Amino acid sequence: MSTALRIAGATVTAPRRIAGEANPVMLLRPEKLAIRRPGQDAAGTTNRLPGTIAEAIYLGSGSKYEVRLADGSMAIVRSPLTGDSFGLGDKVELCFDGADAKLLADDSSADATLT
């Protein structure tokens, strides 16, 4: 059974549910997020979150991007150098497979950064 969540103004799906009536919090590893230009093909992913590049850091073997999502929350993405590069203010979409999302019950103390 899958769960549909509203995150940063978009509906995303994850293949599992959490027990009880608690609101779910979604956790994703940065390497499980693909960063694309809006509308660009993202084969194999079922979810997209729109955002804007807030910080771009060159790491030698890749880049680290901090993306501000529509609701103001931040996501951290690691991208290999073989992919597109992005600059501050660029509009992007974060793409991921729902199977990579981990759902936990929200205890109101979770960090709002997607990492």
Protein backbone atom coordinates (compact mmCIF):
# COMPACT_ATOMS: atom_id res chain seq x y z
CA MET A 1 0.00 0.00 0.00
CA SER A 2 1.41 3.42 -0.90
CA THR A 3 1.17 6.76 0.85
CA ALA A 4 0.56 10.09 -0.89
CA LEU A 5 2.12 13.09 0.88
CA ARG A 6 1.95 16.84 0.26
CA ILE A 7 5.51 18.16 0.39
CA ALA A 8 6.59 21.61 -0.70
CA GLY A 9 3.38 22.13 -2.63
CA ALA A 10 3.66 18.87 -4.60
CA THR A 11 2.12 15.44 -4.09
CA VAL A 12 4.66 12.64 -3.78
CA THR A 13 4.15 8.92 -3.25
CA ALA A 14 6.04 6.38 -1.21
CA PRO A 15 5.35 2.63 -1.30
CA ARG A 16 4.91 2.20 2.46
CA ARG A 17 2.67 3.53 5.21
CA ILE A 18 3.41 4.29 8.82
CA ALA A 19 1.41 2.76 11.67
CA GLY A 20 -1.35 4.73 13.34
CA GLU A 21 -2.67 8.17 12.54
CA ALA A 22 0.59 10.13 12.89
CA ASN A 23 1.62 12.54 10.14
CA PRO A 24 4.54 11.10 8.16
CA VAL A 25 7.94 12.72 7.68
CA MET A 26 9.83 11.71 4.54
CA LEU A 27 13.58 11.12 4.63
CA LEU A 28 15.78 10.80 1.54
CA ARG A 29 19.53 10.36 1.17
CA PRO A 30 21.08 13.20 -0.92
CA GLU A 31 22.50 10.73 -3.45
CA LYS A 32 18.98 9.35 -4.07
CA LEU A 33 17.79 12.71 -5.41
CA ALA A 34 18.35 13.59 -9.05
CA ILE A 35 18.39 17.26 -9.96
CA ARG A 36 16.97 18.26 -13.33
CA ARG A 37 15.87 21.35 -15.20
CA PRO A 38 12.05 21.77 -15.10
CA GLY A 39 10.37 19.43 -17.58
CA GLN A 40 13.58 17.50 -18.34
CA ASP A 41 13.21 13.72 -18.61
CA ALA A 42 13.90 11.86 -15.37
CA ALA A 43 13.48 8.20 -16.31
CA GLY A 44 12.88 5.81 -13.43
CA THR A 45 11.62 8.45 -11.01
CA THR A 46 8.04 8.85 -9.88
CA ASN A 47 8.20 12.05 -7.85
CA ARG A 48 9.23 15.65 -8.60
CA LEU A 49 9.62 18.60 -6.26
CA PRO A 50 10.14 22.08 -7.76
CA GLY A 51 12.75 24.36 -6.22
CA THR A 52 15.42 27.02 -6.69
CA ILE A 53 19.19 26.67 -6.26
CA ALA A 54 20.15 28.50 -3.04
CA GLU A 55 23.76 27.32 -2.85
CA ALA A 56 26.14 25.48 -5.19
CA ILE A 57 29.41 23.97 -3.97
CA TYR A 58 32.02 22.28 -6.16
CA LEU A 59 33.41 19.23 -4.32
CA GLY A 60 36.02 17.96 -6.80
CA SER A 61 34.26 14.71 -7.69
CA GLY A 62 30.84 16.33 -7.93
CA SER A 63 28.71 19.20 -6.72
CA LYS A 64 26.53 19.78 -3.69
CA TYR A 65 23.42 21.87 -4.13
CA GLU A 66 21.10 23.33 -1.56
CA VAL A 67 17.65 23.70 -3.08
CA ARG A 68 14.92 25.87 -1.57
CA LEU A 69 11.57 24.14 -2.12
CA ALA A 70 8.25 25.91 -2.69
CA ASP A 71 7.34 25.76 1.01
CA GLY A 72 10.68 27.30 2.07
CA SER A 73 12.22 24.03 3.26
CA MET A 74 15.69 23.09 2.05
CA ALA A 75 16.93 19.94 0.32
CA ILE A 76 20.56 18.91 -0.14
CA VAL A 77 21.51 17.14 -3.37
CA ARG A 78 24.80 15.60 -4.43
CA SER A 79 25.34 15.49 -8.18
CA PRO A 80 28.19 13.90 -10.19
CA LEU A 81 30.25 16.13 -12.48
CA THR A 82 28.86 14.21 -15.47
CA GLY A 83 25.45 15.82 -14.91
CA ASP A 84 24.22 19.34 -15.62
CA SER A 85 25.64 22.15 -13.52
CA PHE A 86 23.41 24.76 -11.91
CA GLY A 87 23.92 28.28 -10.57
CA LEU A 88 22.32 30.35 -7.86
CA GLY A 89 18.71 31.16 -8.63
CA ASP A 90 18.26 28.42 -11.26
CA LYS A 91 14.82 26.75 -11.24
CA VAL A 92 15.12 22.96 -10.85
CA GLU A 93 13.14 19.83 -10.05
CA LEU A 94 14.26 17.22 -7.55
CA CYS A 95 13.35 13.77 -8.85
CA PHE A 96 13.30 10.54 -6.86
CA ASP A 97 11.79 7.10 -6.73
CA GLY A 98 9.26 6.63 -3.94
CA ALA A 99 10.96 3.35 -2.99
CA ASP A 100 13.96 5.42 -1.78
CA ALA A 101 11.82 7.45 0.63
CA LYS A 102 11.77 6.44 4.30
CA LEU A 103 8.66 7.39 6.23
CA LEU A 104 8.73 8.08 9.97
CA ALA A 105 6.08 9.38 12.34
CA ASP A 106 6.39 13.16 12.80
CA ASP A 107 7.24 13.91 16.43
CA SER A 108 7.36 17.69 15.74
CA SER A 109 11.12 17.80 16.38
CA ALA A 110 12.33 16.60 12.99
CA ASP A 111 14.77 18.78 11.04
CA ALA A 112 12.92 20.27 8.06
CA THR A 113 15.94 19.88 5.76
CA LEU A 114 15.68 17.00 3.29
CA THR A 115 19.05 15.26 3.57
